[in-house]
Structures are given as structure tokens and as C-alpha cells.
Amino acid sequence: MDIALMSMSLSQGKVQQQASLSVMKMAMGNAEQQGEAVKELINSSNVKALQQAAQPHLGGNIDLKL
């Protein structure tokens, strides 16, 4: 294997590793933001909002009989 080809291969590997690391950092940032939002929702005193977030389909309709 010639030195120029080896250099190009190493350079491509380094670029791929940097791109992978950047994507992982973005994913970790998103997960951290979502975790903070869940933590804030749980710590809030608004239990009704927490119940609505857990089961959004409940409580939207009322059945009445006259």
C-alpha cells in the first residue's frame, strides 16, 4: 500500500469519526432537553397537566343523559 493512499484512508476515517461524534453530541443534547422537560413536568404541582400528558385521549368528552 502506498503512503498517499494510506494517508487518504486515515484522513477519511478521521472525518467519519468526527461526524459520528457530532451526531452523537446532538442526540445527547436532545435527550438532555427532553429529560429536563419531563423532570419539570413531574416537579410541577399541576397534576392535571401531568395526567393529560400521560393519557391525552381521556377527559375530552362527557356523556350526558337527560
Protein backbone atom coordinates (compact mmCIF):
# COMPACT_ATOMS: atom_id res chain seq x y z
CA MET A 1 0.00 0.00 0.00
CA ASP A 2 1.43 3.31 -0.90
CA ILE A 3 1.81 6.18 1.58
CA ALA A 4 -0.57 8.58 -0.21
CA LEU A 5 -3.37 6.00 -0.23
CA MET A 6 -2.79 5.22 3.45
CA SER A 7 -2.86 8.91 4.29
CA MET A 8 -6.15 9.39 2.45
CA SER A 9 -7.69 6.39 4.21
CA LEU A 10 -6.66 7.66 7.63
CA SER A 11 -7.98 11.13 6.82
CA GLN A 12 -11.35 9.73 5.69
CA GLY A 13 -11.59 7.66 8.86
CA LYS A 14 -10.89 10.72 10.96
CA VAL A 15 -13.61 12.73 9.19
CA GLN A 16 -16.12 9.90 9.64
CA GLN A 17 -15.27 9.68 13.33
CA GLN A 18 -15.72 13.44 13.78
CA ALA A 19 -19.09 13.35 12.00
CA SER A 20 -20.22 10.44 14.13
CA LEU A 21 -19.18 12.26 17.29
CA SER A 22 -21.07 15.39 16.23
CA VAL A 23 -24.26 13.42 15.61
CA MET A 24 -23.92 11.68 18.98
CA LYS A 25 -23.45 15.03 20.76
CA MET A 26 -26.59 16.39 19.08
CA ALA A 27 -28.57 13.31 20.14
CA MET A 28 -27.31 13.62 23.71
CA GLY A 29 -28.31 17.30 23.77
CA ASN A 30 -31.81 16.45 22.59
CA ALA A 31 -32.15 13.66 25.17
CA GLU A 32 -30.99 16.02 27.89
CA GLN A 33 -33.56 18.65 26.88
CA GLN A 34 -36.33 16.05 26.87
CA GLY A 35 -35.23 14.79 30.27
CA GLU A 36 -35.31 18.30 31.69
CA ALA A 37 -38.81 18.83 30.29
CA VAL A 38 -40.06 15.59 31.87
CA LYS A 39 -38.39 16.48 35.16
CA GLU A 40 -40.02 19.92 35.12
CA LEU A 41 -43.41 18.41 34.34
CA ILE A 42 -43.11 15.90 37.17
CA ASN A 43 -41.95 18.53 39.65
CA SER A 44 -44.78 20.89 38.75
CA SER A 45 -47.73 21.00 41.08
CA ASN A 46 -50.14 20.79 38.15
CA VAL A 47 -51.25 17.16 38.43
CA LYS A 48 -53.98 17.64 35.84
CA ALA A 49 -51.42 18.60 33.18
CA LEU A 50 -49.35 15.54 34.04
CA GLN A 51 -52.38 13.26 33.73
CA GLN A 52 -53.36 14.89 30.43
CA ALA A 53 -49.85 14.37 29.06
CA ALA A 54 -49.85 10.70 30.10
CA GLN A 55 -53.31 9.95 28.67
CA PRO A 56 -54.32 12.72 26.24
CA HIS A 57 -57.38 10.84 24.92
CA LEU A 58 -59.15 10.78 28.31
CA GLY A 59 -61.41 13.56 29.54
CA GLY A 60 -62.16 15.13 26.19
CA ASN A 61 -65.83 14.05 26.04
CA ILE A 62 -68.69 13.96 28.52
CA ASP A 63 -71.70 11.65 28.09
CA LEU A 64 -74.96 13.15 29.36
CA LYS A 65 -78.40 11.56 29.66
CA LEU A 66 -81.43 13.72 30.28
